[in-house]
N, C-alpha and C. Protein backbone atom coordinates (compact mmCIF):
# COMPACT_ATOMS: atom_id res chain seq x y z
N UNK A 1 -245.80 -128.82 -52.22
CA UNK A 1 -246.59 -128.35 -51.10
C UNK A 1 -246.57 -129.40 -50.01
N UNK A 2 -246.46 -128.97 -48.82
CA UNK A 2 -246.40 -129.85 -47.66
C UNK A 2 -247.80 -130.27 -47.24
N UNK A 3 -247.99 -131.57 -47.08
CA UNK A 3 -249.29 -132.08 -46.67
C UNK A 3 -249.33 -132.29 -45.16
N UNK A 4 -250.46 -132.03 -44.52
CA UNK A 4 -250.55 -132.31 -43.08
C UNK A 4 -250.58 -133.81 -42.86
N UNK A 5 -250.17 -134.23 -41.67
CA UNK A 5 -250.23 -135.65 -41.33
C UNK A 5 -251.68 -136.07 -41.20
N UNK A 6 -252.05 -137.19 -41.80
CA UNK A 6 -253.42 -137.66 -41.66
C UNK A 6 -253.63 -138.29 -40.29
N UNK A 7 -254.89 -138.43 -39.93
CA UNK A 7 -255.22 -139.15 -38.69
C UNK A 7 -254.81 -140.61 -38.87
N UNK A 8 -254.38 -141.29 -37.79
CA UNK A 8 -253.92 -142.66 -37.92
C UNK A 8 -255.00 -143.64 -38.36
N UNK A 9 -256.24 -143.36 -38.05
CA UNK A 9 -257.35 -144.23 -38.47
C UNK A 9 -258.54 -143.34 -38.76
N UNK A 10 -259.58 -143.96 -39.27
CA UNK A 10 -260.81 -143.21 -39.51
C UNK A 10 -261.73 -143.26 -38.29
N UNK A 11 -261.31 -143.94 -37.24
CA UNK A 11 -262.12 -144.04 -36.03
C UNK A 11 -262.28 -142.67 -35.39
N UNK A 12 -263.41 -142.46 -34.78
CA UNK A 12 -263.67 -141.21 -34.08
C UNK A 12 -262.85 -141.18 -32.79
N UNK A 13 -262.14 -140.09 -32.58
CA UNK A 13 -261.34 -139.93 -31.37
C UNK A 13 -262.27 -139.43 -30.27
N UNK A 14 -262.27 -140.10 -29.11
CA UNK A 14 -263.10 -139.61 -28.02
C UNK A 14 -262.75 -138.15 -27.69
N UNK A 15 -263.76 -137.35 -27.38
CA UNK A 15 -263.51 -135.93 -27.12
C UNK A 15 -262.44 -135.67 -26.06
N UNK A 16 -262.36 -136.49 -25.03
CA UNK A 16 -261.36 -136.27 -23.98
C UNK A 16 -259.95 -136.45 -24.52
N UNK A 17 -259.75 -137.42 -25.41
CA UNK A 17 -258.42 -137.63 -25.97
C UNK A 17 -258.04 -136.49 -26.91
N UNK A 18 -258.99 -136.05 -27.72
CA UNK A 18 -258.73 -134.92 -28.61
C UNK A 18 -258.44 -133.66 -27.80
N UNK A 19 -259.19 -133.45 -26.72
CA UNK A 19 -258.96 -132.29 -25.86
C UNK A 19 -257.58 -132.35 -25.22
N UNK A 20 -257.18 -133.53 -24.77
CA UNK A 20 -255.86 -133.67 -24.16
C UNK A 20 -254.76 -133.35 -25.16
N UNK A 21 -254.90 -133.81 -26.40
CA UNK A 21 -253.91 -133.52 -27.44
C UNK A 21 -253.83 -132.02 -27.69
N UNK A 22 -254.98 -131.38 -27.84
CA UNK A 22 -254.99 -129.93 -28.08
C UNK A 22 -254.32 -129.18 -26.94
N UNK A 23 -254.66 -129.53 -25.72
CA UNK A 23 -254.10 -128.82 -24.56
C UNK A 23 -252.61 -129.10 -24.41
N UNK A 24 -252.18 -130.32 -24.68
CA UNK A 24 -250.75 -130.63 -24.64
C UNK A 24 -249.99 -129.79 -25.66
N UNK A 25 -250.53 -129.68 -26.86
CA UNK A 25 -249.88 -128.90 -27.91
C UNK A 25 -249.83 -127.42 -27.54
N UNK A 26 -250.86 -126.93 -26.86
CA UNK A 26 -250.92 -125.52 -26.49
C UNK A 26 -250.12 -125.19 -25.24
N UNK A 27 -250.21 -126.05 -24.21
CA UNK A 27 -249.68 -125.71 -22.89
C UNK A 27 -248.53 -126.58 -22.43
N UNK A 28 -248.35 -127.74 -23.05
CA UNK A 28 -247.34 -128.68 -22.59
C UNK A 28 -247.86 -129.52 -21.43
N UNK A 29 -247.07 -130.50 -21.04
CA UNK A 29 -247.46 -131.42 -19.96
C UNK A 29 -247.70 -130.68 -18.65
N UNK A 30 -246.81 -129.76 -18.31
CA UNK A 30 -246.89 -129.10 -17.01
C UNK A 30 -248.06 -128.12 -16.91
N UNK A 31 -248.64 -127.75 -18.05
CA UNK A 31 -249.80 -126.88 -18.04
C UNK A 31 -251.12 -127.63 -18.16
N UNK A 32 -251.04 -128.95 -18.14
CA UNK A 32 -252.23 -129.77 -18.34
C UNK A 32 -252.86 -130.16 -17.01
N UNK A 33 -254.17 -129.97 -16.92
CA UNK A 33 -254.91 -130.39 -15.72
C UNK A 33 -256.16 -131.13 -16.16
N UNK A 34 -256.57 -132.08 -15.35
CA UNK A 34 -257.73 -132.90 -15.67
C UNK A 34 -258.98 -132.05 -15.85
N UNK A 35 -259.17 -131.03 -15.01
CA UNK A 35 -260.36 -130.20 -15.15
C UNK A 35 -260.36 -129.42 -16.46
N UNK A 36 -259.17 -129.04 -16.95
CA UNK A 36 -259.10 -128.35 -18.24
C UNK A 36 -259.45 -129.30 -19.38
N UNK A 37 -258.99 -130.54 -19.29
CA UNK A 37 -259.34 -131.54 -20.31
C UNK A 37 -260.85 -131.76 -20.31
N UNK A 38 -261.43 -131.90 -19.13
CA UNK A 38 -262.87 -132.12 -19.02
C UNK A 38 -263.65 -130.94 -19.61
N UNK A 39 -263.22 -129.73 -19.28
CA UNK A 39 -263.91 -128.55 -19.79
C UNK A 39 -263.81 -128.48 -21.32
N UNK A 40 -262.63 -128.72 -21.86
CA UNK A 40 -262.44 -128.67 -23.31
C UNK A 40 -263.26 -129.76 -24.00
N UNK A 41 -263.34 -130.94 -23.37
CA UNK A 41 -264.07 -132.06 -23.96
C UNK A 41 -265.58 -131.97 -23.74
N UNK A 42 -265.98 -131.11 -22.80
CA UNK A 42 -267.40 -130.99 -22.49
C UNK A 42 -267.95 -132.17 -21.72
N UNK A 43 -267.11 -132.75 -20.87
CA UNK A 43 -267.54 -133.90 -20.06
C UNK A 43 -267.20 -133.62 -18.60
N UNK A 44 -267.88 -134.26 -17.67
CA UNK A 44 -267.56 -134.07 -16.25
C UNK A 44 -266.21 -134.71 -15.90
N UNK A 45 -265.52 -134.10 -14.96
CA UNK A 45 -264.25 -134.64 -14.48
C UNK A 45 -264.44 -136.06 -13.97
N UNK A 46 -265.56 -136.31 -13.30
CA UNK A 46 -265.82 -137.66 -12.77
C UNK A 46 -265.88 -138.71 -13.88
N UNK A 47 -266.36 -138.33 -15.04
CA UNK A 47 -266.39 -139.28 -16.16
C UNK A 47 -264.96 -139.64 -16.58
N UNK A 48 -264.08 -138.66 -16.62
CA UNK A 48 -262.68 -138.93 -16.98
C UNK A 48 -262.02 -139.80 -15.92
N UNK A 49 -262.30 -139.49 -14.66
CA UNK A 49 -261.72 -140.28 -13.58
C UNK A 49 -262.23 -141.72 -13.59
N UNK A 50 -263.45 -141.92 -14.05
CA UNK A 50 -264.00 -143.28 -14.13
C UNK A 50 -263.37 -144.07 -15.28
N UNK A 51 -262.99 -143.37 -16.34
CA UNK A 51 -262.45 -144.07 -17.52
C UNK A 51 -260.94 -144.27 -17.44
N UNK A 52 -260.22 -143.33 -16.87
CA UNK A 52 -258.76 -143.41 -16.78
C UNK A 52 -258.34 -143.25 -15.32
N UNK A 53 -257.48 -144.14 -14.82
CA UNK A 53 -257.09 -144.08 -13.41
C UNK A 53 -256.25 -142.85 -13.04
N UNK A 54 -255.66 -142.19 -14.04
CA UNK A 54 -254.86 -141.01 -13.75
C UNK A 54 -254.76 -140.15 -15.00
N UNK A 55 -254.28 -138.93 -14.82
CA UNK A 55 -254.04 -138.05 -15.96
C UNK A 55 -253.00 -138.67 -16.88
N UNK A 56 -252.01 -139.33 -16.31
CA UNK A 56 -250.99 -139.99 -17.13
C UNK A 56 -251.61 -141.04 -18.05
N UNK A 57 -252.56 -141.81 -17.54
CA UNK A 57 -253.21 -142.83 -18.36
C UNK A 57 -254.01 -142.20 -19.50
N UNK A 58 -254.73 -141.13 -19.21
CA UNK A 58 -255.49 -140.44 -20.24
C UNK A 58 -254.54 -139.90 -21.31
N UNK A 59 -253.47 -139.25 -20.89
CA UNK A 59 -252.52 -138.66 -21.83
C UNK A 59 -251.81 -139.73 -22.65
N UNK A 60 -251.42 -140.83 -22.01
CA UNK A 60 -250.77 -141.92 -22.75
C UNK A 60 -251.70 -142.46 -23.83
N UNK A 61 -252.98 -142.61 -23.50
CA UNK A 61 -253.95 -143.08 -24.49
C UNK A 61 -254.10 -142.06 -25.62
N UNK A 62 -254.05 -140.78 -25.27
CA UNK A 62 -254.21 -139.73 -26.28
C UNK A 62 -253.04 -139.70 -27.26
N UNK A 63 -251.82 -139.82 -26.76
CA UNK A 63 -250.66 -139.69 -27.65
C UNK A 63 -250.27 -141.00 -28.33
N UNK A 64 -250.67 -142.13 -27.77
CA UNK A 64 -250.23 -143.43 -28.31
C UNK A 64 -250.61 -143.61 -29.78
N UNK A 65 -251.73 -143.09 -30.18
CA UNK A 65 -252.17 -143.27 -31.56
C UNK A 65 -251.88 -142.11 -32.49
N UNK A 66 -251.12 -141.13 -32.01
CA UNK A 66 -250.83 -139.98 -32.86
C UNK A 66 -249.74 -140.32 -33.87
N UNK A 67 -249.94 -139.98 -35.12
CA UNK A 67 -248.93 -140.29 -36.13
C UNK A 67 -247.80 -139.26 -36.13
N UNK A 68 -246.60 -139.69 -35.81
CA UNK A 68 -245.45 -138.79 -35.90
C UNK A 68 -244.75 -138.95 -37.23
N UNK A 69 -245.00 -140.05 -37.91
CA UNK A 69 -244.54 -140.29 -39.27
C UNK A 69 -245.52 -141.29 -39.87
N UNK A 70 -245.92 -141.05 -41.12
CA UNK A 70 -246.92 -141.93 -41.73
C UNK A 70 -246.49 -142.34 -43.14
N UNK A 71 -246.99 -143.47 -43.55
CA UNK A 71 -246.72 -143.99 -44.89
C UNK A 71 -247.54 -143.17 -45.89
N UNK A 72 -246.89 -142.64 -46.89
CA UNK A 72 -247.57 -141.85 -47.92
C UNK A 72 -247.91 -142.68 -49.15
N UNK A 73 -247.61 -143.98 -49.10
CA UNK A 73 -247.96 -144.85 -50.21
C UNK A 73 -246.80 -145.09 -51.16
N UNK A 74 -247.10 -145.79 -52.22
CA UNK A 74 -246.10 -146.23 -53.19
C UNK A 74 -245.74 -145.10 -54.14
N UNK A 75 -244.47 -144.74 -54.15
CA UNK A 75 -243.97 -143.73 -55.07
C UNK A 75 -243.22 -144.36 -56.23
N UNK A 76 -243.03 -145.67 -56.17
CA UNK A 76 -242.30 -146.36 -57.22
C UNK A 76 -240.90 -146.79 -56.82
N UNK A 77 -240.43 -146.29 -55.67
CA UNK A 77 -239.10 -146.70 -55.19
C UNK A 77 -239.06 -146.62 -53.67
N UNK A 78 -238.16 -147.38 -53.09
CA UNK A 78 -238.00 -147.36 -51.63
C UNK A 78 -237.56 -145.98 -51.16
N UNK A 79 -236.58 -145.42 -51.87
CA UNK A 79 -236.11 -144.08 -51.50
C UNK A 79 -237.23 -143.06 -51.59
N UNK A 80 -238.04 -143.15 -52.64
CA UNK A 80 -239.16 -142.24 -52.80
C UNK A 80 -240.21 -142.41 -51.72
N UNK A 81 -240.47 -143.67 -51.34
CA UNK A 81 -241.44 -143.93 -50.27
C UNK A 81 -240.99 -143.31 -48.96
N UNK A 82 -239.70 -143.48 -48.62
CA UNK A 82 -239.18 -142.91 -47.37
C UNK A 82 -239.16 -141.39 -47.45
N UNK A 83 -238.74 -140.84 -48.59
CA UNK A 83 -238.70 -139.38 -48.74
C UNK A 83 -240.10 -138.79 -48.59
N UNK A 84 -241.10 -139.45 -49.16
CA UNK A 84 -242.48 -138.95 -49.05
C UNK A 84 -242.95 -138.97 -47.60
N UNK A 85 -242.56 -140.00 -46.86
CA UNK A 85 -242.96 -140.10 -45.45
C UNK A 85 -242.33 -139.00 -44.61
N UNK A 86 -241.16 -138.52 -45.02
CA UNK A 86 -240.46 -137.48 -44.26
C UNK A 86 -240.73 -136.07 -44.78
N UNK A 87 -241.52 -135.95 -45.81
CA UNK A 87 -241.76 -134.65 -46.45
C UNK A 87 -242.25 -133.60 -45.47
N UNK A 88 -243.11 -133.98 -44.53
CA UNK A 88 -243.67 -133.00 -43.59
C UNK A 88 -242.61 -132.44 -42.64
N UNK A 89 -241.43 -133.02 -42.62
CA UNK A 89 -240.37 -132.51 -41.75
C UNK A 89 -239.84 -131.16 -42.23
N UNK A 90 -240.26 -130.72 -43.39
CA UNK A 90 -239.89 -129.40 -43.87
C UNK A 90 -240.62 -128.29 -43.12
N UNK A 91 -241.56 -128.66 -42.28
CA UNK A 91 -242.33 -127.70 -41.48
C UNK A 91 -242.03 -127.92 -40.00
N UNK A 92 -242.36 -126.94 -39.17
CA UNK A 92 -242.27 -127.18 -37.72
C UNK A 92 -243.25 -128.28 -37.30
N UNK A 93 -243.12 -128.74 -36.07
CA UNK A 93 -244.00 -129.79 -35.56
C UNK A 93 -245.46 -129.38 -35.68
N UNK A 94 -246.30 -130.35 -36.01
CA UNK A 94 -247.74 -130.14 -36.04
C UNK A 94 -248.33 -130.37 -34.66
N UNK A 95 -249.63 -130.22 -34.56
CA UNK A 95 -250.34 -130.33 -33.29
C UNK A 95 -250.08 -131.66 -32.59
N UNK A 96 -250.24 -132.77 -33.29
CA UNK A 96 -250.01 -134.08 -32.68
C UNK A 96 -248.57 -134.28 -32.27
N UNK A 97 -247.66 -133.83 -33.14
CA UNK A 97 -246.23 -133.96 -32.81
C UNK A 97 -245.87 -133.11 -31.60
N UNK A 98 -246.46 -131.92 -31.49
CA UNK A 98 -246.22 -131.08 -30.31
C UNK A 98 -246.72 -131.76 -29.05
N UNK A 99 -247.86 -132.43 -29.14
CA UNK A 99 -248.39 -133.15 -27.97
C UNK A 99 -247.45 -134.28 -27.57
N UNK A 100 -246.97 -135.05 -28.54
CA UNK A 100 -246.02 -136.13 -28.23
C UNK A 100 -244.74 -135.55 -27.64
N UNK A 101 -244.28 -134.44 -28.19
CA UNK A 101 -243.06 -133.79 -27.66
C UNK A 101 -243.25 -133.36 -26.22
N UNK A 102 -244.41 -132.80 -25.91
CA UNK A 102 -244.68 -132.35 -24.54
C UNK A 102 -244.65 -133.52 -23.57
N UNK A 103 -245.21 -134.64 -23.98
CA UNK A 103 -245.24 -135.83 -23.12
C UNK A 103 -243.85 -136.44 -23.03
N UNK A 104 -243.10 -136.44 -24.13
CA UNK A 104 -241.74 -137.00 -24.12
C UNK A 104 -240.87 -136.30 -23.09
N UNK A 105 -241.04 -135.00 -22.94
CA UNK A 105 -240.26 -134.25 -21.97
C UNK A 105 -240.53 -134.70 -20.54
N UNK A 106 -241.75 -135.12 -20.27
CA UNK A 106 -242.15 -135.49 -18.91
C UNK A 106 -242.12 -136.99 -18.66
N UNK A 107 -241.86 -137.77 -19.68
CA UNK A 107 -242.05 -139.22 -19.59
C UNK A 107 -240.94 -139.96 -18.86
N UNK A 108 -239.81 -139.34 -18.63
CA UNK A 108 -238.67 -140.05 -18.05
C UNK A 108 -238.98 -140.87 -16.82
N UNK A 109 -239.65 -140.32 -15.85
CA UNK A 109 -239.92 -141.03 -14.61
C UNK A 109 -241.30 -141.64 -14.52
N UNK A 110 -242.07 -141.55 -15.58
CA UNK A 110 -243.45 -142.03 -15.57
C UNK A 110 -243.61 -143.11 -16.63
N UNK A 111 -243.67 -144.35 -16.21
CA UNK A 111 -243.75 -145.47 -17.14
C UNK A 111 -244.98 -145.45 -18.02
N UNK A 112 -246.08 -144.93 -17.50
CA UNK A 112 -247.32 -144.86 -18.28
C UNK A 112 -247.16 -143.87 -19.43
N UNK A 113 -246.63 -142.68 -19.12
CA UNK A 113 -246.39 -141.69 -20.17
C UNK A 113 -245.38 -142.21 -21.18
N UNK A 114 -244.33 -142.83 -20.68
CA UNK A 114 -243.28 -143.35 -21.56
C UNK A 114 -243.87 -144.37 -22.54
N UNK A 115 -244.76 -145.23 -22.06
CA UNK A 115 -245.40 -146.22 -22.94
C UNK A 115 -246.20 -145.54 -24.05
N UNK A 116 -246.88 -144.45 -23.72
CA UNK A 116 -247.63 -143.72 -24.74
C UNK A 116 -246.72 -143.12 -25.79
N UNK A 117 -245.61 -142.54 -25.36
CA UNK A 117 -244.65 -141.95 -26.30
C UNK A 117 -243.99 -143.04 -27.14
N UNK A 118 -243.62 -144.14 -26.49
CA UNK A 118 -243.01 -145.25 -27.24
C UNK A 118 -243.95 -145.78 -28.31
N UNK A 119 -245.23 -145.85 -28.00
CA UNK A 119 -246.20 -146.30 -29.00
C UNK A 119 -246.32 -145.28 -30.13
N UNK A 120 -246.37 -143.99 -29.79
CA UNK A 120 -246.50 -142.95 -30.81
C UNK A 120 -245.32 -142.96 -31.77
N UNK A 121 -244.12 -143.11 -31.24
CA UNK A 121 -242.92 -143.07 -32.07
C UNK A 121 -242.61 -144.46 -32.63
N UNK A 122 -242.46 -145.43 -31.75
CA UNK A 122 -242.02 -146.77 -32.17
C UNK A 122 -243.00 -147.46 -33.10
N UNK A 123 -244.27 -147.43 -32.76
CA UNK A 123 -245.26 -148.10 -33.61
C UNK A 123 -245.36 -147.43 -34.98
N UNK A 124 -245.33 -146.09 -35.00
CA UNK A 124 -245.43 -145.38 -36.28
C UNK A 124 -244.24 -145.71 -37.18
N UNK A 125 -243.05 -145.71 -36.62
CA UNK A 125 -241.85 -146.01 -37.41
C UNK A 125 -241.89 -147.46 -37.90
N UNK A 126 -242.25 -148.37 -37.01
CA UNK A 126 -242.32 -149.79 -37.39
C UNK A 126 -243.34 -150.01 -38.50
N UNK A 127 -244.51 -149.41 -38.39
CA UNK A 127 -245.54 -149.56 -39.42
C UNK A 127 -245.06 -149.00 -40.76
N UNK A 128 -244.43 -147.84 -40.72
CA UNK A 128 -243.91 -147.23 -41.94
C UNK A 128 -242.88 -148.12 -42.61
N UNK A 129 -241.89 -148.56 -41.85
CA UNK A 129 -240.80 -149.35 -42.43
C UNK A 129 -241.31 -150.70 -42.93
N UNK A 130 -242.25 -151.30 -42.23
CA UNK A 130 -242.83 -152.58 -42.70
C UNK A 130 -243.55 -152.38 -44.04
N UNK A 131 -244.33 -151.31 -44.16
CA UNK A 131 -245.05 -151.05 -45.41
C UNK A 131 -244.07 -150.75 -46.55
N UNK A 132 -243.07 -149.93 -46.28
CA UNK A 132 -242.07 -149.60 -47.30
C UNK A 132 -241.30 -150.87 -47.69
N UNK A 133 -240.93 -151.68 -46.70
CA UNK A 133 -240.20 -152.92 -46.97
C UNK A 133 -241.01 -153.90 -47.80
N UNK A 134 -242.30 -154.02 -47.51
CA UNK A 134 -243.16 -154.93 -48.28
C UNK A 134 -243.25 -154.48 -49.74
N UNK A 135 -243.38 -153.19 -49.95
CA UNK A 135 -243.44 -152.69 -51.33
C UNK A 135 -242.11 -152.88 -52.04
N UNK A 136 -241.00 -152.68 -51.31
CA UNK A 136 -239.67 -152.88 -51.91
C UNK A 136 -239.52 -154.32 -52.38
N UNK A 137 -239.90 -155.25 -51.53
CA UNK A 137 -239.79 -156.67 -51.92
C UNK A 137 -240.70 -156.99 -53.10
N UNK A 138 -241.90 -156.42 -53.12
CA UNK A 138 -242.83 -156.66 -54.23
C UNK A 138 -242.28 -156.11 -55.54
N UNK A 139 -241.49 -155.03 -55.48
CA UNK A 139 -240.87 -154.46 -56.67
C UNK A 139 -239.58 -155.17 -57.04
N UNK A 140 -239.14 -156.09 -56.18
CA UNK A 140 -237.88 -156.79 -56.43
C UNK A 140 -236.65 -156.01 -55.98
N UNK A 141 -236.85 -154.95 -55.20
CA UNK A 141 -235.72 -154.19 -54.67
C UNK A 141 -235.14 -154.93 -53.47
N UNK A 142 -233.85 -154.87 -53.34
CA UNK A 142 -233.18 -155.56 -52.23
C UNK A 142 -233.35 -154.76 -50.94
N UNK A 143 -234.12 -155.29 -50.01
CA UNK A 143 -234.24 -154.70 -48.68
C UNK A 143 -234.34 -155.88 -47.72
N UNK A 144 -233.18 -156.35 -47.30
CA UNK A 144 -233.11 -157.52 -46.42
C UNK A 144 -233.72 -157.22 -45.06
N UNK A 145 -233.95 -158.28 -44.31
CA UNK A 145 -234.46 -158.10 -42.95
C UNK A 145 -233.53 -157.27 -42.10
N UNK A 146 -232.22 -157.51 -42.25
CA UNK A 146 -231.24 -156.73 -41.48
C UNK A 146 -231.27 -155.27 -41.89
N UNK A 147 -231.39 -154.99 -43.19
CA UNK A 147 -231.45 -153.60 -43.65
C UNK A 147 -232.74 -152.94 -43.16
N UNK A 148 -233.83 -153.69 -43.17
CA UNK A 148 -235.09 -153.14 -42.68
C UNK A 148 -234.99 -152.80 -41.20
N UNK A 149 -234.32 -153.65 -40.41
CA UNK A 149 -234.10 -153.35 -38.99
C UNK A 149 -233.23 -152.11 -38.84
N UNK A 150 -232.22 -151.98 -39.69
CA UNK A 150 -231.34 -150.81 -39.65
C UNK A 150 -232.13 -149.54 -39.95
N UNK A 151 -232.94 -149.57 -41.00
CA UNK A 151 -233.76 -148.41 -41.35
C UNK A 151 -234.70 -148.06 -40.20
N UNK A 152 -235.29 -149.06 -39.57
CA UNK A 152 -236.19 -148.84 -38.44
C UNK A 152 -235.45 -148.17 -37.29
N UNK A 153 -234.26 -148.67 -36.97
CA UNK A 153 -233.48 -148.12 -35.85
C UNK A 153 -233.06 -146.68 -36.12
N UNK A 154 -232.53 -146.43 -37.30
CA UNK A 154 -232.06 -145.08 -37.63
C UNK A 154 -233.23 -144.11 -37.70
N UNK A 155 -234.28 -144.52 -38.40
CA UNK A 155 -235.44 -143.64 -38.53
C UNK A 155 -236.08 -143.37 -37.17
N UNK A 156 -236.15 -144.40 -36.32
CA UNK A 156 -236.68 -144.20 -34.97
C UNK A 156 -235.87 -143.16 -34.20
N UNK A 157 -234.55 -143.24 -34.30
CA UNK A 157 -233.69 -142.27 -33.63
C UNK A 157 -233.87 -140.86 -34.17
N UNK A 158 -234.00 -140.76 -35.47
CA UNK A 158 -234.17 -139.44 -36.09
C UNK A 158 -235.54 -138.86 -35.74
N UNK A 159 -236.56 -139.70 -35.73
CA UNK A 159 -237.89 -139.22 -35.33
C UNK A 159 -237.84 -138.75 -33.88
N UNK A 160 -237.19 -139.52 -33.02
CA UNK A 160 -237.06 -139.13 -31.61
C UNK A 160 -236.35 -137.79 -31.49
N UNK A 161 -235.28 -137.60 -32.25
CA UNK A 161 -234.54 -136.34 -32.22
C UNK A 161 -235.43 -135.18 -32.69
N UNK A 162 -236.21 -135.41 -33.71
CA UNK A 162 -237.11 -134.35 -34.19
C UNK A 162 -238.14 -134.00 -33.12
N UNK A 163 -238.71 -135.01 -32.49
CA UNK A 163 -239.72 -134.76 -31.46
C UNK A 163 -239.11 -134.05 -30.26
N UNK A 164 -238.01 -134.57 -29.74
CA UNK A 164 -237.43 -133.98 -28.53
C UNK A 164 -236.67 -132.70 -28.80
N UNK A 165 -236.30 -132.46 -30.05
CA UNK A 165 -235.62 -131.22 -30.43
C UNK A 165 -236.58 -130.12 -30.79
N UNK A 166 -237.85 -130.34 -30.53
CA UNK A 166 -238.95 -129.39 -30.75
C UNK A 166 -239.18 -129.10 -32.22
N UNK A 167 -238.73 -129.99 -33.08
CA UNK A 167 -239.16 -130.01 -34.46
C UNK A 167 -238.76 -128.88 -35.36
N UNK A 168 -237.52 -128.47 -35.25
CA UNK A 168 -237.07 -127.48 -36.22
C UNK A 168 -237.23 -128.08 -37.62
N UNK A 169 -237.65 -127.29 -38.59
CA UNK A 169 -237.80 -127.83 -39.95
C UNK A 169 -236.48 -128.42 -40.45
N UNK A 170 -236.58 -129.52 -41.16
CA UNK A 170 -235.41 -130.19 -41.73
C UNK A 170 -235.40 -129.90 -43.22
N UNK A 171 -234.33 -129.27 -43.72
CA UNK A 171 -234.29 -128.94 -45.14
C UNK A 171 -234.40 -130.19 -46.03
N UNK A 172 -234.94 -130.00 -47.22
CA UNK A 172 -235.13 -131.11 -48.15
C UNK A 172 -233.83 -131.84 -48.44
N UNK A 173 -232.74 -131.10 -48.61
CA UNK A 173 -231.45 -131.74 -48.90
C UNK A 173 -231.02 -132.66 -47.76
N UNK A 174 -231.27 -132.26 -46.53
CA UNK A 174 -230.90 -133.10 -45.38
C UNK A 174 -231.79 -134.34 -45.31
N UNK A 175 -233.07 -134.20 -45.62
CA UNK A 175 -233.95 -135.36 -45.64
C UNK A 175 -233.51 -136.34 -46.71
N UNK A 176 -233.15 -135.84 -47.89
CA UNK A 176 -232.68 -136.71 -48.98
C UNK A 176 -231.38 -137.41 -48.58
N UNK A 177 -230.51 -136.70 -47.90
CA UNK A 177 -229.25 -137.29 -47.42
C UNK A 177 -229.53 -138.41 -46.42
N UNK A 178 -230.48 -138.21 -45.54
CA UNK A 178 -230.85 -139.24 -44.57
C UNK A 178 -231.36 -140.50 -45.26
N UNK A 179 -232.26 -140.33 -46.22
CA UNK A 179 -232.80 -141.48 -46.95
C UNK A 179 -231.68 -142.21 -47.68
N UNK A 180 -230.82 -141.47 -48.36
CA UNK A 180 -229.71 -142.11 -49.09
C UNK A 180 -228.79 -142.86 -48.15
N UNK A 181 -228.53 -142.28 -46.99
CA UNK A 181 -227.58 -142.93 -46.07
C UNK A 181 -228.14 -144.21 -45.46
N UNK A 182 -229.42 -144.26 -45.15
CA UNK A 182 -229.96 -145.50 -44.55
C UNK A 182 -230.16 -146.59 -45.59
N UNK A 183 -230.26 -146.22 -46.85
CA UNK A 183 -230.44 -147.22 -47.90
C UNK A 183 -229.14 -147.60 -48.60
N UNK A 184 -228.06 -146.87 -48.30
CA UNK A 184 -226.77 -147.15 -48.97
C UNK A 184 -226.33 -148.59 -48.71
N UNK A 185 -225.85 -149.21 -49.76
CA UNK A 185 -225.41 -150.62 -49.64
C UNK A 185 -224.03 -150.72 -49.02
């Protein structure tokens, strides 16, 4: 059974950020307006304008912490740890992933949006690979620094492709092939 992606932390997400994520997932970047975020969040537009200098800043803050890939914990092997982290790819994009995808489409010319997307993708991949690498070393499995960088680079590219490709489900056999290929000696 496919598990939903957990929230990145147990911290409470401010209503405006949650509203922005919901609206991005529903309408995309081009359908997003500050007054709609304010209405969904139940706060005045002026409050949003006081906290974020632009809609781009609010959206970047909203997507930066969204998990596009998360560590599922120790499965007993490096390959198992990576496979577990990619398990949700058997489904279409979830709400948070759709929001990141919507922003990724618009981020090209907007450095603020791009920074939010880079954090959502890059930070999530880096955290996952660091956790998997630490467990591999603790188990005595060979995962050199260079191999860990390789896994990070390949996984980052594949995550980016999934996000920008609108998240078509990836069959289990293809996910297993990806894990085997990045770990092959």
